[in-house]
Amino acid sequence: MPVRPTGLFGFLAQPPTLARIVARGWLSCALAQRAELDAESDAPVTALLRATSDWLEALGLLGEAHPDERAALAAPPGVLSAADLERLGEHAEVAGVVAWALQLGCVPAVDVATDASEVAIVLGWQTAVATELQTSARLRARTELMAWLDFASAVHWRVDEQVRRTARIDLRGLDGAGQQQLPAVTPLHLDDAGDLLIGGQSLADLPPAALLATLRRARARHRAALWLLGQQREFADIETP
């Protein structure tokens, strides 16, 4: 397995500020909400989506959003493609990683989808807490973020390799009992050979739909970790294999 350098190589000199990290958490919650509500087209849902955009704009957060993200938030229900909605839904995972990085929660196991509504609550969504969070939140130490990036990239790499139908590998040492020793680590379930178990099943036995859903979660979390450490200034520019 390729080893990612553990130093600063490949990262910007200045990672995102605390205010931008909190803003990305809120934006990610909003984007995931947009995907969840798309099947509804009645007036209350449209009003809710409008209220979300108004709240983000009032806090000056829409400037943090990529133009494609702003367009998605402004789009009425029923007009986005299935692929667009799938990408928006992945932002729940980004929000979860942000909340973990801000010491406000843990990231679920890779076979468990992050609940964007729960993350929004801990991020003070549309409450008085929200106005304080951009200065009161505390980011985890860079060493913790780097260690979690190693964890997230290894899990992503393994699932991607299975999608490509390659061999099993041994991930022991990433489960909190080995060299990583991560606090509040994402649960990692392994079989006797050290390979990933997803919902109690080996990757090789997963139905294609479940395998792809796992890949999307792992990829989104990996991208979030890279952005937190400053691989790119804009989240939309983060690329993974």
C-alpha atoms as a PDB file:
ATOM      1  CA  MET A   1       0.000   0.000   0.000  1.00  0.00           C
ATOM      2  CA  PRO A   2       1.421   3.436  -0.880  1.00  0.00           C
ATOM      3  CA  VAL A   3       2.538   5.361   2.167  1.00  0.00           C
ATOM      4  CA  ARG A   4       1.515   8.999   2.399  1.00  0.00           C
ATOM      5  CA  PRO A   5       4.216  11.326   3.790  1.00  0.00           C
ATOM      6  CA  THR A   6       3.449  12.277   7.370  1.00  0.00           C
ATOM      7  CA  GLY A   7       5.033  15.718   7.148  1.00  0.00           C
ATOM      8  CA  LEU A   8       3.734  18.881   5.500  1.00  0.00           C
ATOM      9  CA  PHE A   9       4.652  17.938   1.925  1.00  0.00           C
ATOM     10  CA  GLY A  10       1.747  18.519  -0.424  1.00  0.00           C
ATOM     11  CA  PHE A  11      -0.189  20.822   1.909  1.00  0.00           C
ATOM     12  CA  LEU A  12      -0.606  24.584   1.841  1.00  0.00           C
ATOM     13  CA  ALA A  13       1.367  26.640   4.329  1.00  0.00           C
ATOM     14  CA  GLN A  14      -1.887  27.905   5.813  1.00  0.00           C
ATOM     15  CA  PRO A  15      -4.672  25.358   6.411  1.00  0.00           C
ATOM     16  CA  PRO A  16      -8.257  26.653   6.661  1.00  0.00           C
ATOM     17  CA  THR A  17      -9.003  28.976   9.552  1.00  0.00           C
ATOM     18  CA  LEU A  18     -11.289  27.947  12.383  1.00  0.00           C
ATOM     19  CA  ALA A  19     -14.047  30.177  11.001  1.00  0.00           C
ATOM     20  CA  ARG A  20     -13.801  28.534   7.570  1.00  0.00           C
ATOM     21  CA  ILE A  21     -13.844  25.046   9.089  1.00  0.00           C
ATOM     22  CA  VAL A  22     -17.022  25.820  11.025  1.00  0.00           C
ATOM     23  CA  ALA A  23     -18.534  27.376   7.904  1.00  0.00           C
ATOM     24  CA  ARG A  24     -17.746  24.237   5.892  1.00  0.00           C
ATOM     25  CA  GLY A  25     -19.516  22.172   8.539  1.00  0.00           C
ATOM     26  CA  TRP A  26     -22.675  24.254   8.239  1.00  0.00           C
ATOM     27  CA  LEU A  27     -22.542  24.321   4.449  1.00  0.00           C
ATOM     28  CA  SER A  28     -22.113  20.551   4.356  1.00  0.00           C
ATOM     29  CA  CYS A  29     -25.149  20.108   6.601  1.00  0.00           C
ATOM     30  CA  ALA A  30     -27.165  22.373   4.304  1.00  0.00           C
ATOM     31  CA  LEU A  31     -26.086  20.497   1.183  1.00  0.00           C
ATOM     32  CA  ALA A  32     -26.944  17.140   2.734  1.00  0.00           C
ATOM     33  CA  GLN A  33     -30.333  18.551   3.790  1.00  0.00           C
ATOM     34  CA  ARG A  34     -30.911  19.711   0.223  1.00  0.00           C
ATOM     35  CA  ALA A  35     -30.420  16.132  -0.998  1.00  0.00           C
ATOM     36  CA  GLU A  36     -32.714  14.678   1.672  1.00  0.00           C
ATOM     37  CA  LEU A  37     -35.557  17.058   0.897  1.00  0.00           C
ATOM     38  CA  ASP A  38     -35.439  16.806  -2.877  1.00  0.00           C
ATOM     39  CA  ALA A  39     -38.186  14.205  -3.085  1.00  0.00           C
ATOM     40  CA  GLU A  40     -40.574  16.677  -1.449  1.00  0.00           C
ATOM     41  CA  SER A  41     -41.955  19.477  -3.570  1.00  0.00           C
ATOM     42  CA  ASP A  42     -44.615  21.143  -1.451  1.00  0.00           C
ATOM     43  CA  ALA A  43     -44.479  24.753  -0.307  1.00  0.00           C
ATOM     44  CA  PRO A  44     -43.234  24.066   3.251  1.00  0.00           C
ATOM     45  CA  VAL A  45     -40.176  22.238   1.913  1.00  0.00           C
ATOM     46  CA  THR A  46     -39.412  25.026  -0.543  1.00  0.00           C
ATOM     47  CA  ALA A  47     -39.732  27.521   2.305  1.00  0.00           C
ATOM     48  CA  LEU A  48     -37.392  25.450   4.466  1.00  0.00           C
ATOM     49  CA  LEU A  49     -34.731  25.364   1.759  1.00  0.00           C
ATOM     50  CA  ARG A  50     -35.102  29.116   1.302  1.00  0.00           C
ATOM     51  CA  ALA A  51     -34.763  29.678   5.044  1.00  0.00           C
ATOM     52  CA  THR A  52     -31.563  27.628   5.050  1.00  0.00           C
ATOM     53  CA  SER A  53     -30.017  29.724   2.280  1.00  0.00           C
ATOM     54  CA  ASP A  54     -31.146  32.933   3.991  1.00  0.00           C
ATOM     55  CA  TRP A  55     -29.522  31.839   7.256  1.00  0.00           C
ATOM     56  CA  LEU A  56     -26.254  30.946   5.543  1.00  0.00           C
ATOM     57  CA  GLU A  57     -26.294  34.257   3.679  1.00  0.00           C
ATOM     58  CA  ALA A  58     -27.023  36.226   6.859  1.00  0.00           C
ATOM     59  CA  LEU A  59     -23.906  34.726   8.434  1.00  0.00           C
ATOM     60  CA  GLY A  60     -21.870  35.536   5.330  1.00  0.00           C
ATOM     61  CA  LEU A  61     -21.251  31.873   4.571  1.00  0.00           C
ATOM     62  CA  LEU A  62     -22.368  31.612   0.968  1.00  0.00           C
ATOM     63  CA  GLY A  63     -19.061  33.159  -0.049  1.00  0.00           C
ATOM     64  CA  GLU A  64     -17.399  30.011   1.292  1.00  0.00           C
ATOM     65  CA  ALA A  65     -19.510  27.845  -1.012  1.00  0.00           C
ATOM     66  CA  HIS A  66     -18.365  26.780  -4.473  1.00  0.00           C
ATOM     67  CA  PRO A  67     -20.596  28.162  -7.275  1.00  0.00           C
ATOM     68  CA  ASP A  68     -21.945  24.640  -7.896  1.00  0.00           C
ATOM     69  CA  GLU A  69     -22.858  24.371  -4.203  1.00  0.00           C
ATOM     70  CA  ARG A  70     -24.637  27.728  -4.260  1.00  0.00           C
ATOM     71  CA  ALA A  71     -26.549  26.666  -7.359  1.00  0.00           C
ATOM     72  CA  ALA A  72     -27.607  23.411  -5.693  1.00  0.00           C
ATOM     73  CA  LEU A  73     -28.859  25.238  -2.607  1.00  0.00           C
ATOM     74  CA  ALA A  74     -30.868  27.624  -4.779  1.00  0.00           C
ATOM     75  CA  ALA A  75     -32.349  24.914  -7.009  1.00  0.00           C
ATOM     76  CA  PRO A  76     -36.022  24.072  -6.328  1.00  0.00           C
ATOM     77  CA  PRO A  77     -36.924  20.474  -5.446  1.00  0.00           C
ATOM     78  CA  GLY A  78     -37.120  18.027  -8.326  1.00  0.00           C
ATOM     79  CA  VAL A  79     -34.686  19.643 -10.761  1.00  0.00           C
ATOM     80  CA  LEU A  80     -31.361  18.106  -9.705  1.00  0.00           C
ATOM     81  CA  SER A  81     -30.161  14.837 -11.225  1.00  0.00           C
ATOM     82  CA  ALA A  82     -29.744  11.625  -9.278  1.00  0.00           C
ATOM     83  CA  ALA A  83     -25.954  12.006  -9.578  1.00  0.00           C
ATOM     84  CA  ASP A  84     -26.159  15.552  -8.196  1.00  0.00           C
ATOM     85  CA  LEU A  85     -28.207  14.381  -5.227  1.00  0.00           C
ATOM     86  CA  GLU A  86     -25.783  11.548  -4.559  1.00  0.00           C
ATOM     87  CA  ARG A  87     -22.889  14.008  -4.418  1.00  0.00           C
ATOM     88  CA  LEU A  88     -24.826  16.360  -2.175  1.00  0.00           C
ATOM     89  CA  GLY A  89     -25.688  13.514   0.177  1.00  0.00           C
ATOM     90  CA  GLU A  90     -21.993  12.779   0.672  1.00  0.00           C
ATOM     91  CA  HIS A  91     -21.639  16.140   2.408  1.00  0.00           C
ATOM     92  CA  ALA A  92     -23.148  14.577   5.527  1.00  0.00           C
ATOM     93  CA  GLU A  93     -19.867  12.684   5.859  1.00  0.00           C
ATOM     94  CA  VAL A  94     -17.872  15.894   5.446  1.00  0.00           C
ATOM     95  CA  ALA A  95     -19.942  17.555   8.164  1.00  0.00           C
ATOM     96  CA  GLY A  96     -19.299  14.606  10.455  1.00  0.00           C
ATOM     97  CA  VAL A  97     -15.535  14.834   9.998  1.00  0.00           C
ATOM     98  CA  VAL A  98     -15.662  18.585  10.662  1.00  0.00           C
ATOM     99  CA  ALA A  99     -17.613  18.022  13.881  1.00  0.00           C
ATOM    100  CA  TRP A 100     -15.054  15.425  14.971  1.00  0.00           C
ATOM    101  CA  ALA A 101     -12.192  17.796  14.148  1.00  0.00           C
ATOM    102  CA  LEU A 102     -13.883  20.452  16.308  1.00  0.00           C
ATOM    103  CA  GLN A 103     -14.094  17.966  19.209  1.00  0.00           C
ATOM    104  CA  LEU A 104     -17.885  17.851  18.943  1.00  0.00           C
ATOM    105  CA  GLY A 105     -18.413  14.208  18.051  1.00  0.00           C
ATOM    106  CA  CYS A 106     -17.070  10.991  16.569  1.00  0.00           C
ATOM    107  CA  VAL A 107     -17.205   9.761  12.989  1.00  0.00           C
ATOM    108  CA  PRO A 108     -19.251   6.543  12.622  1.00  0.00           C
ATOM    109  CA  ALA A 109     -17.829   3.310  11.272  1.00  0.00           C
ATOM    110  CA  VAL A 110     -17.522   3.294   7.494  1.00  0.00           C
ATOM    111  CA  ASP A 111     -20.593   1.084   7.136  1.00  0.00           C
ATOM    112  CA  VAL A 112     -22.737   3.608   9.041  1.00  0.00           C
ATOM    113  CA  ALA A 113     -23.892   6.785   7.291  1.00  0.00           C
ATOM    114  CA  THR A 114     -23.414  10.045   9.148  1.00  0.00           C
ATOM    115  CA  ASP A 115     -26.690  11.708  10.171  1.00  0.00           C
ATOM    116  CA  ALA A 116     -26.446  15.306   8.972  1.00  0.00           C
ATOM    117  CA  SER A 117     -29.328  16.367  11.219  1.00  0.00           C
ATOM    118  CA  GLU A 118     -27.471  15.179  14.310  1.00  0.00           C
ATOM    119  CA  VAL A 119     -24.299  16.935  13.177  1.00  0.00           C
ATOM    120  CA  ALA A 120     -26.256  20.149  12.554  1.00  0.00           C
ATOM    121  CA  ILE A 121     -27.491  20.084  16.146  1.00  0.00           C
ATOM    122  CA  VAL A 122     -23.993  19.827  17.623  1.00  0.00           C
ATOM    123  CA  LEU A 123     -22.858  22.627  15.284  1.00  0.00           C
ATOM    124  CA  GLY A 124     -25.591  24.888  16.666  1.00  0.00           C
ATOM    125  CA  TRP A 125     -27.637  25.007  13.479  1.00  0.00           C
ATOM    126  CA  GLN A 126     -29.791  28.173  13.419  1.00  0.00           C
ATOM    127  CA  THR A 127     -29.312  28.820  17.138  1.00  0.00           C
ATOM    128  CA  ALA A 128     -27.459  31.389  19.216  1.00  0.00           C
ATOM    129  CA  VAL A 129     -24.639  28.853  19.584  1.00  0.00           C
ATOM    130  CA  ALA A 130     -23.887  29.204  15.876  1.00  0.00           C
ATOM    131  CA  THR A 131     -22.858  32.836  16.156  1.00  0.00           C
ATOM    132  CA  GLU A 132     -20.256  31.936  18.782  1.00  0.00           C
ATOM    133  CA  LEU A 133     -18.909  28.707  17.338  1.00  0.00           C
ATOM    134  CA  GLN A 134     -16.581  30.312  14.802  1.00  0.00           C
ATOM    135  CA  THR A 135     -14.516  31.741  17.646  1.00  0.00           C
ATOM    136  CA  SER A 136     -15.302  29.417  20.564  1.00  0.00           C
ATOM    137  CA  ALA A 137     -14.717  26.050  18.855  1.00  0.00           C
ATOM    138  CA  ARG A 138     -11.409  24.289  19.402  1.00  0.00           C
ATOM    139  CA  LEU A 139      -9.722  22.294  16.660  1.00  0.00           C
ATOM    140  CA  ARG A 140      -7.980  19.026  17.457  1.00  0.00           C
ATOM    141  CA  ALA A 141      -4.195  19.030  17.421  1.00  0.00           C
ATOM    142  CA  ARG A 142      -2.583  18.771  14.007  1.00  0.00           C
ATOM    143  CA  THR A 143      -0.986  15.478  15.017  1.00  0.00           C
ATOM    144  CA  GLU A 144      -4.463  14.031  15.626  1.00  0.00           C
ATOM    145  CA  LEU A 145      -5.698  15.329  12.286  1.00  0.00           C
ATOM    146  CA  MET A 146      -2.678  13.840  10.507  1.00  0.00           C
ATOM    147  CA  ALA A 147      -3.192  10.484  12.235  1.00  0.00           C
ATOM    148  CA  TRP A 148      -6.871  10.437  11.296  1.00  0.00           C
ATOM    149  CA  LEU A 149      -5.952  11.292   7.709  1.00  0.00           C
ATOM    150  CA  ASP A 150      -3.725   8.197   7.642  1.00  0.00           C
ATOM    151  CA  PHE A 151      -6.663   6.177   8.946  1.00  0.00           C
ATOM    152  CA  ALA A 152      -9.195   7.647   6.498  1.00  0.00           C
ATOM    153  CA  SER A 153      -6.906   7.313   3.481  1.00  0.00           C
ATOM    154  CA  ALA A 154      -6.110   3.665   4.275  1.00  0.00           C
ATOM    155  CA  VAL A 155      -9.799   2.764   4.619  1.00  0.00           C
ATOM    156  CA  HIS A 156     -10.639   4.636   1.413  1.00  0.00           C
ATOM    157  CA  TRP A 157      -7.773   2.968  -0.425  1.00  0.00           C
ATOM    158  CA  ARG A 158      -8.879  -0.499   0.691  1.00  0.00           C
ATOM    159  CA  VAL A 159     -12.509  -0.039  -0.344  1.00  0.00           C
ATOM    160  CA  ASP A 160     -11.446   1.468  -3.671  1.00  0.00           C
ATOM    161  CA  GLU A 161      -9.164  -1.507  -4.259  1.00  0.00           C
ATOM    162  CA  GLN A 162     -12.067  -3.886  -3.660  1.00  0.00           C
ATOM    163  CA  VAL A 163     -14.190  -1.997  -6.151  1.00  0.00           C
ATOM    164  CA  ARG A 164     -11.353  -2.634  -8.602  1.00  0.00           C
ATOM    165  CA  ARG A 165     -11.414  -6.326  -7.592  1.00  0.00           C
ATOM    166  CA  THR A 166      -7.930  -6.554  -6.122  1.00  0.00           C
ATOM    167  CA  ALA A 167      -6.596  -8.607  -3.232  1.00  0.00           C
ATOM    168  CA  ARG A 168      -7.371  -8.396   0.456  1.00  0.00           C
ATOM    169  CA  ILE A 169      -4.954  -6.522   2.694  1.00  0.00           C
ATOM    170  CA  ASP A 170      -4.222  -6.419   6.419  1.00  0.00           C
ATOM    171  CA  LEU A 171      -5.381  -3.199   8.114  1.00  0.00           C
ATOM    172  CA  ARG A 172      -4.517  -4.227  11.657  1.00  0.00           C
ATOM    173  CA  GLY A 173      -2.775  -1.349  13.380  1.00  0.00           C
ATOM    174  CA  LEU A 174      -5.467   1.124  12.300  1.00  0.00           C
ATOM    175  CA  ASP A 175      -8.010  -0.103  14.839  1.00  0.00           C
ATOM    176  CA  GLY A 176      -6.821   1.932  17.806  1.00  0.00           C
ATOM    177  CA  ALA A 177      -4.945  -1.041  19.251  1.00  0.00           C
ATOM    178  CA  GLY A 178      -1.868  -0.546  17.089  1.00  0.00           C
ATOM    179  CA  GLN A 179       0.454   2.265  16.200  1.00  0.00           C
ATOM    180  CA  GLN A 180      -2.193   4.888  15.483  1.00  0.00           C
ATOM    181  CA  GLN A 181      -3.607   5.210  19.026  1.00  0.00           C
ATOM    182  CA  LEU A 182      -6.248   7.695  17.924  1.00  0.00           C
ATOM    183  CA  PRO A 183      -8.562   9.321  20.477  1.00  0.00           C
ATOM    184  CA  ALA A 184     -12.250   9.102  19.528  1.00  0.00           C
ATOM    185  CA  VAL A 185     -11.231   6.968  16.565  1.00  0.00           C
ATOM    186  CA  THR A 186     -13.786   5.877  14.010  1.00  0.00           C
ATOM    187  CA  PRO A 187     -14.815   2.277  14.769  1.00  0.00           C
ATOM    188  CA  LEU A 188     -13.008  -0.204  12.544  1.00  0.00           C
ATOM    189  CA  HIS A 189     -14.304  -3.758  12.237  1.00  0.00           C
ATOM    190  CA  LEU A 190     -11.833  -6.325  10.897  1.00  0.00           C
ATOM    191  CA  ASP A 191     -11.920 -10.037  10.166  1.00  0.00           C
ATOM    192  CA  ASP A 192      -9.297 -12.536  11.356  1.00  0.00           C
ATOM    193  CA  ALA A 193      -7.050 -11.638   8.429  1.00  0.00           C
ATOM    194  CA  GLY A 194      -7.164  -7.926   9.258  1.00  0.00           C
ATOM    195  CA  ASP A 195      -9.420  -6.971   6.359  1.00  0.00           C
ATOM    196  CA  LEU A 196     -12.460  -4.713   6.581  1.00  0.00           C
ATOM    197  CA  LEU A 197     -15.846  -6.003   7.625  1.00  0.00           C
ATOM    198  CA  ILE A 198     -18.848  -3.978   6.480  1.00  0.00           C
ATOM    199  CA  GLY A 199     -22.019  -4.747   8.387  1.00  0.00           C
ATOM    200  CA  GLY A 200     -20.432  -8.032   9.452  1.00  0.00           C
ATOM    201  CA  GLN A 201     -19.631  -9.011   5.856  1.00  0.00           C
ATOM    202  CA  SER A 202     -16.290  -9.047   4.087  1.00  0.00           C
ATOM    203  CA  LEU A 203     -15.830  -6.527   1.311  1.00  0.00           C
ATOM    204  CA  ALA A 204     -15.619  -9.329  -1.224  1.00  0.00           C
ATOM    205  CA  ASP A 205     -19.107 -10.514  -0.242  1.00  0.00           C
ATOM    206  CA  LEU A 206     -20.827  -7.136  -0.359  1.00  0.00           C
ATOM    207  CA  PRO A 207     -23.471  -6.511  -3.021  1.00  0.00           C
ATOM    208  CA  PRO A 208     -22.310  -3.887  -5.540  1.00  0.00           C
ATOM    209  CA  ALA A 209     -24.701  -1.195  -4.247  1.00  0.00           C
ATOM    210  CA  ALA A 210     -23.479  -1.581  -0.666  1.00  0.00           C
ATOM    211  CA  LEU A 211     -19.849  -1.592  -1.781  1.00  0.00           C
ATOM    212  CA  LEU A 212     -20.281   1.619  -3.770  1.00  0.00           C
ATOM    213  CA  ALA A 213     -22.113   3.306  -0.877  1.00  0.00           C
ATOM    214  CA  THR A 214     -19.200   2.376   1.382  1.00  0.00           C
ATOM    215  CA  LEU A 215     -16.747   3.778  -1.156  1.00  0.00           C
ATOM    216  CA  ARG A 216     -18.627   7.078  -1.322  1.00  0.00           C
ATOM    217  CA  ARG A 217     -18.587   7.442   2.476  1.00  0.00           C
ATOM    218  CA  ALA A 218     -14.892   6.588   2.706  1.00  0.00           C
ATOM    219  CA  ARG A 219     -13.989   8.967  -0.126  1.00  0.00           C
ATOM    220  CA  ALA A 220     -15.976  11.876   1.326  1.00  0.00           C
ATOM    221  CA  ARG A 221     -14.342  11.452   4.739  1.00  0.00           C
ATOM    222  CA  HIS A 222     -10.899  11.247   3.159  1.00  0.00           C
ATOM    223  CA  ARG A 223     -11.528  14.472   1.207  1.00  0.00           C
ATOM    224  CA  ALA A 224     -12.649  16.234   4.382  1.00  0.00           C
ATOM    225  CA  ALA A 225      -9.481  15.204   6.202  1.00  0.00           C
ATOM    226  CA  LEU A 226      -7.300  16.450   3.335  1.00  0.00           C
ATOM    227  CA  TRP A 227      -9.067  19.811   3.294  1.00  0.00           C
ATOM    228  CA  LEU A 228      -8.764  20.263   7.060  1.00  0.00           C
ATOM    229  CA  LEU A 229      -5.013  19.903   6.734  1.00  0.00           C
ATOM    230  CA  GLY A 230      -4.765  22.304   3.806  1.00  0.00           C
ATOM    231  CA  GLN A 231      -4.291  20.218   0.677  1.00  0.00           C
ATOM    232  CA  GLN A 232      -6.292  22.834  -1.249  1.00  0.00           C
ATOM    233  CA  ARG A 233      -7.803  26.138  -0.208  1.00  0.00           C
ATOM    234  CA  GLU A 234     -11.218  25.283  -1.671  1.00  0.00           C
ATOM    235  CA  PHE A 235     -12.959  22.091  -0.621  1.00  0.00           C
ATOM    236  CA  ALA A 236     -14.273  21.543  -4.136  1.00  0.00           C
ATOM    237  CA  ASP A 237     -10.692  21.297  -5.407  1.00  0.00           C
ATOM    238  CA  ILE A 238      -9.785  18.348  -3.181  1.00  0.00           C
ATOM    239  CA  GLU A 239      -9.099  15.252  -5.265  1.00  0.00           C
ATOM    240  CA  THR A 240      -8.606  11.651  -4.176  1.00  0.00           C
ATOM    241  CA  PRO A 241      -7.881   8.513  -6.216  1.00  0.00           C
END
